[in-house]
C-alpha atoms as a PDB file:
ATOM      1  CA  UNK A   1     -10.768  -8.445  -6.936  1.00  0.00           C
ATOM      2  CA  UNK A   2     -12.703  -5.289  -6.131  1.00  0.00           C
ATOM      3  CA  UNK A   3     -15.570  -6.339  -8.423  1.00  0.00           C
ATOM      4  CA  UNK A   4     -15.591  -9.799  -6.864  1.00  0.00           C
ATOM      5  CA  UNK A   5     -15.776  -8.316  -3.356  1.00  0.00           C
ATOM      6  CA  UNK A   6     -18.705  -6.115  -4.417  1.00  0.00           C
ATOM      7  CA  UNK A   7     -20.402  -9.123  -6.032  1.00  0.00           C
ATOM      8  CA  UNK A   8     -20.058 -11.019  -2.764  1.00  0.00           C
ATOM      9  CA  UNK A   9     -21.739  -8.197  -0.844  1.00  0.00           C
ATOM     10  CA  UNK A  10     -18.528  -7.136   0.901  1.00  0.00           C
ATOM     11  CA  UNK A  11     -18.605  -3.463  -0.067  1.00  0.00           C
ATOM     12  CA  UNK A  12     -17.528  -1.491   2.991  1.00  0.00           C
ATOM     13  CA  UNK A  13     -15.923  -4.543   4.636  1.00  0.00           C
ATOM     14  CA  UNK A  14     -13.012  -5.080   2.254  1.00  0.00           C
ATOM     15  CA  UNK A  15     -10.749  -2.226   1.198  1.00  0.00           C
ATOM     16  CA  UNK A  16      -8.263  -2.165  -1.660  1.00  0.00           C
ATOM     17  CA  UNK A  17      -5.604   0.504  -1.453  1.00  0.00           C
ATOM     18  CA  UNK A  18      -2.596   1.091  -3.630  1.00  0.00           C
ATOM     19  CA  UNK A  19       0.422   2.949  -2.298  1.00  0.00           C
ATOM     20  CA  UNK A  20      -0.266   5.112   0.738  1.00  0.00           C
ATOM     21  CA  UNK A  21       2.104   7.668   2.219  1.00  0.00           C
ATOM     22  CA  UNK A  22       3.613   6.322   5.450  1.00  0.00           C
ATOM     23  CA  UNK A  23       1.681   8.718   7.724  1.00  0.00           C
ATOM     24  CA  UNK A  24      -1.619   7.699   6.137  1.00  0.00           C
ATOM     25  CA  UNK A  25      -0.751   4.011   6.315  1.00  0.00           C
ATOM     26  CA  UNK A  26       0.143   4.243  10.004  1.00  0.00           C
ATOM     27  CA  UNK A  27      -3.091   6.148  10.654  1.00  0.00           C
ATOM     28  CA  UNK A  28      -5.161   3.410   8.996  1.00  0.00           C
ATOM     29  CA  UNK A  29      -3.425   0.216  10.165  1.00  0.00           C
ATOM     30  CA  UNK A  30      -5.006   0.094  13.657  1.00  0.00           C
ATOM     31  CA  UNK A  31      -8.448  -0.098  12.015  1.00  0.00           C
ATOM     32  CA  UNK A  32      -7.674  -3.269  10.045  1.00  0.00           C
ATOM     33  CA  UNK A  33      -8.367  -6.871  11.032  1.00  0.00           C
ATOM     34  CA  UNK A  34      -5.626  -8.268   8.794  1.00  0.00           C
ATOM     35  CA  UNK A  35      -3.150  -7.167   6.168  1.00  0.00           C
ATOM     36  CA  UNK A  36      -2.891  -8.776   2.727  1.00  0.00           C
ATOM     37  CA  UNK A  37       0.307  -8.289   0.766  1.00  0.00           C
ATOM     38  CA  UNK A  38      -0.091  -9.070  -2.909  1.00  0.00           C
ATOM     39  CA  UNK A  39       2.828  -9.071  -5.257  1.00  0.00           C
ATOM     40  CA  UNK A  40       3.862 -11.275  -8.154  1.00  0.00           C
ATOM     41  CA  UNK A  41       7.456 -10.129  -8.345  1.00  0.00           C
ATOM     42  CA  UNK A  42      10.372 -10.359  -6.006  1.00  0.00           C
ATOM     43  CA  UNK A  43      10.339  -8.234  -2.921  1.00  0.00           C
ATOM     44  CA  UNK A  44      13.683  -7.434  -1.324  1.00  0.00           C
ATOM     45  CA  UNK A  45      12.319  -6.640   2.116  1.00  0.00           C
ATOM     46  CA  UNK A  46       8.750  -5.382   2.313  1.00  0.00           C
ATOM     47  CA  UNK A  47       8.902  -2.783   5.099  1.00  0.00           C
ATOM     48  CA  UNK A  48       5.119  -2.403   4.941  1.00  0.00           C
ATOM     49  CA  UNK A  49       4.823  -6.009   6.158  1.00  0.00           C
ATOM     50  CA  UNK A  50       6.808  -5.241   9.295  1.00  0.00           C
ATOM     51  CA  UNK A  51       4.802  -2.048   9.797  1.00  0.00           C
ATOM     52  CA  UNK A  52       1.557  -4.041   9.641  1.00  0.00           C
ATOM     53  CA  UNK A  53       2.947  -6.630  12.048  1.00  0.00           C
ATOM     54  CA  UNK A  54       4.085  -3.897  14.441  1.00  0.00           C
ATOM     55  CA  UNK A  55       0.399  -2.946  14.656  1.00  0.00           C
ATOM     56  CA  UNK A  56      -0.447  -6.543  15.588  1.00  0.00           C
ATOM     57  CA  UNK A  57      -2.025  -7.430  12.268  1.00  0.00           C
ATOM     58  CA  UNK A  58      -1.951 -10.990  10.993  1.00  0.00           C
ATOM     59  CA  UNK A  59      -0.449 -10.881   7.498  1.00  0.00           C
ATOM     60  CA  UNK A  60      -1.322 -12.981   4.451  1.00  0.00           C
ATOM     61  CA  UNK A  61       1.557 -12.738   2.001  1.00  0.00           C
ATOM     62  CA  UNK A  62       2.638 -13.821  -1.469  1.00  0.00           C
ATOM     63  CA  UNK A  63       4.977 -16.733  -0.811  1.00  0.00           C
ATOM     64  CA  UNK A  64       8.055 -15.374  -2.571  1.00  0.00           C
ATOM     65  CA  UNK A  65      11.744 -15.324  -1.682  1.00  0.00           C
ATOM     66  CA  UNK A  66      12.520 -12.254   0.384  1.00  0.00           C
ATOM     67  CA  UNK A  67       9.041 -12.015   1.854  1.00  0.00           C
ATOM     68  CA  UNK A  68       9.223 -15.623   3.032  1.00  0.00           C
ATOM     69  CA  UNK A  69      12.533 -14.947   4.784  1.00  0.00           C
ATOM     70  CA  UNK A  70      11.172 -11.831   6.489  1.00  0.00           C
ATOM     71  CA  UNK A  71       7.873 -13.330   7.667  1.00  0.00           C
ATOM     72  CA  UNK A  72       8.182 -17.117   7.648  1.00  0.00           C
ATOM     73  CA  UNK A  73       5.736 -18.633  10.105  1.00  0.00           C
ATOM     74  CA  UNK A  74       4.768 -15.217  11.501  1.00  0.00           C
ATOM     75  CA  UNK A  75       2.531 -14.727   8.460  1.00  0.00           C
ATOM     76  CA  UNK A  76       0.123 -16.763   6.355  1.00  0.00           C
ATOM     77  CA  UNK A  77       1.592 -17.569   2.921  1.00  0.00           C
ATOM     78  CA  UNK A  78      -0.397 -18.074  -0.252  1.00  0.00           C
ATOM     79  CA  UNK A  79       0.656 -18.868  -3.807  1.00  0.00           C
ATOM     80  CA  UNK A  80       1.326 -15.640  -5.747  1.00  0.00           C
ATOM     81  CA  UNK A  81      -1.057 -14.843  -8.624  1.00  0.00           C
ATOM     82  CA  UNK A  82      -3.373 -17.631  -7.459  1.00  0.00           C
ATOM     83  CA  UNK A  83      -6.744 -16.196  -6.360  1.00  0.00           C
ATOM     84  CA  UNK A  84      -7.888 -19.583  -5.031  1.00  0.00           C
ATOM     85  CA  UNK A  85      -4.841 -19.840  -2.765  1.00  0.00           C
ATOM     86  CA  UNK A  86      -5.398 -16.289  -1.508  1.00  0.00           C
ATOM     87  CA  UNK A  87      -9.101 -16.998  -0.886  1.00  0.00           C
ATOM     88  CA  UNK A  88      -8.220 -20.136   1.079  1.00  0.00           C
ATOM     89  CA  UNK A  89      -5.668 -18.198   3.177  1.00  0.00           C
ATOM     90  CA  UNK A  90      -8.179 -15.448   3.941  1.00  0.00           C
ATOM     91  CA  UNK A  91     -10.904 -17.965   4.717  1.00  0.00           C
ATOM     92  CA  UNK A  92      -8.604 -19.786   7.138  1.00  0.00           C
ATOM     93  CA  UNK A  93      -7.589 -16.524   8.805  1.00  0.00           C
ATOM     94  CA  UNK A  94     -11.218 -15.480   9.157  1.00  0.00           C
ATOM     95  CA  UNK A  95     -12.504 -18.826  10.341  1.00  0.00           C
ATOM     96  CA  UNK A  96      -9.723 -19.953  12.694  1.00  0.00           C
ATOM     97  CA  UNK A  97      -9.663 -17.605  15.674  1.00  0.00           C
ATOM     98  CA  UNK A  98      -6.813 -19.478  17.383  1.00  0.00           C
ATOM     99  CA  UNK A  99      -4.625 -19.373  14.274  1.00  0.00           C
ATOM    100  CA  UNK A 100      -5.351 -15.670  13.805  1.00  0.00           C
ATOM    101  CA  UNK A 101      -4.487 -14.969  17.437  1.00  0.00           C
ATOM    102  CA  UNK A 102      -1.248 -16.966  17.105  1.00  0.00           C
ATOM    103  CA  UNK A 103      -0.395 -14.993  13.949  1.00  0.00           C
ATOM    104  CA  UNK A 104      -1.018 -11.737  15.808  1.00  0.00           C
ATOM    105  CA  UNK A 105       1.385 -12.750  18.585  1.00  0.00           C
ATOM    106  CA  UNK A 106       3.957 -13.999  16.054  1.00  0.00           C
ATOM    107  CA  UNK A 107       3.574 -10.735  14.096  1.00  0.00           C
ATOM    108  CA  UNK A 108       4.379  -8.600  17.122  1.00  0.00           C
ATOM    109  CA  UNK A 109       7.373 -10.783  17.978  1.00  0.00           C
ATOM    110  CA  UNK A 110       8.653 -10.718  14.383  1.00  0.00           C
ATOM    111  CA  UNK A 111       8.273  -6.925  14.113  1.00  0.00           C
ATOM    112  CA  UNK A 112      10.480  -6.503  17.184  1.00  0.00           C
ATOM    113  CA  UNK A 113      13.288  -8.271  15.281  1.00  0.00           C
ATOM    114  CA  UNK A 114      13.337  -5.326  12.880  1.00  0.00           C
ATOM    115  CA  UNK A 115      13.253  -2.365  15.242  1.00  0.00           C
ATOM    116  CA  UNK A 116      15.105   0.664  13.915  1.00  0.00           C
ATOM    117  CA  UNK A 117      18.014   0.376  16.373  1.00  0.00           C
ATOM    118  CA  UNK A 118      18.764  -3.233  15.474  1.00  0.00           C
ATOM    119  CA  UNK A 119      18.271  -2.689  11.760  1.00  0.00           C
ATOM    120  CA  UNK A 120      20.452   0.434  11.810  1.00  0.00           C
ATOM    121  CA  UNK A 121      23.227  -1.426  13.651  1.00  0.00           C
ATOM    122  CA  UNK A 122      23.097  -4.330  11.183  1.00  0.00           C
ATOM    123  CA  UNK A 123      23.204  -1.947   8.223  1.00  0.00           C
ATOM    124  CA  UNK A 124      26.199  -0.138   9.737  1.00  0.00           C
ATOM    125  CA  UNK A 125      28.029  -3.443  10.322  1.00  0.00           C
ATOM    126  CA  UNK A 126      27.344  -4.575   6.754  1.00  0.00           C
ATOM    127  CA  UNK A 127      28.513  -1.232   5.381  1.00  0.00           C
ATOM    128  CA  UNK A 128      31.755  -1.408   7.377  1.00  0.00           C
ATOM    129  CA  UNK A 129      32.373  -4.972   6.137  1.00  0.00           C
ATOM    130  CA  UNK A 130      31.804  -3.948   2.519  1.00  0.00           C
ATOM    131  CA  UNK A 131      34.126  -0.941   2.870  1.00  0.00           C
ATOM    132  CA  UNK A 132      36.774  -3.035   4.588  1.00  0.00           C
ATOM    133  CA  UNK A 133      36.574  -5.778   1.970  1.00  0.00           C
ATOM    134  CA  UNK A 134      36.665  -3.226  -0.841  1.00  0.00           C
ATOM    135  CA  UNK A 135      39.807  -1.703   0.623  1.00  0.00           C
ATOM    136  CA  UNK A 136      41.313  -5.182   0.732  1.00  0.00           C
ATOM    137  CA  UNK A 137      40.324  -5.775  -2.906  1.00  0.00           C
ATOM    138  CA  UNK A 138      37.668  -8.434  -2.289  1.00  0.00           C
ATOM    139  CA  UNK A 139      33.903  -8.161  -2.179  1.00  0.00           C
ATOM    140  CA  UNK A 140      33.298 -11.887  -1.790  1.00  0.00           C
ATOM    141  CA  UNK A 141      33.063 -11.803   1.987  1.00  0.00           C
ATOM    142  CA  UNK A 142      30.738  -8.779   1.949  1.00  0.00           C
ATOM    143  CA  UNK A 143      27.714 -11.043   1.805  1.00  0.00           C
ATOM    144  CA  UNK A 144      25.991 -11.070   5.239  1.00  0.00           C
ATOM    145  CA  UNK A 145      26.691 -14.199   7.208  1.00  0.00           C
END
């Protein structure tokens, strides 16, 4: 993808980064116009997606279970491992100002669902349910409802 971006004359306008330490990521996010999450495999949660949304970034994401449940309509899905689908998603995000603005608003709203207080409380409740069910000899009801 990097070579393709260079071939299209986008050097300096498109950046490809692998893993970044959290402090560096948070320092860079406000400078981005959008966030693209590429993965071919399952993703249990994708905290980086919520971090990008908390900065008001519209997110294009690999349409996979886990990611889909976290972002849903607050992001722009594309077919994983399909460059054409990703290109179409990015083109739509770049071309359609109103859609991009709606995604920005949806991103901020979605990120608020995962604030640390709420997430911590939900994790505590789940942990207590698992411990309680374990003590009762059953883990079946430990699945979040």
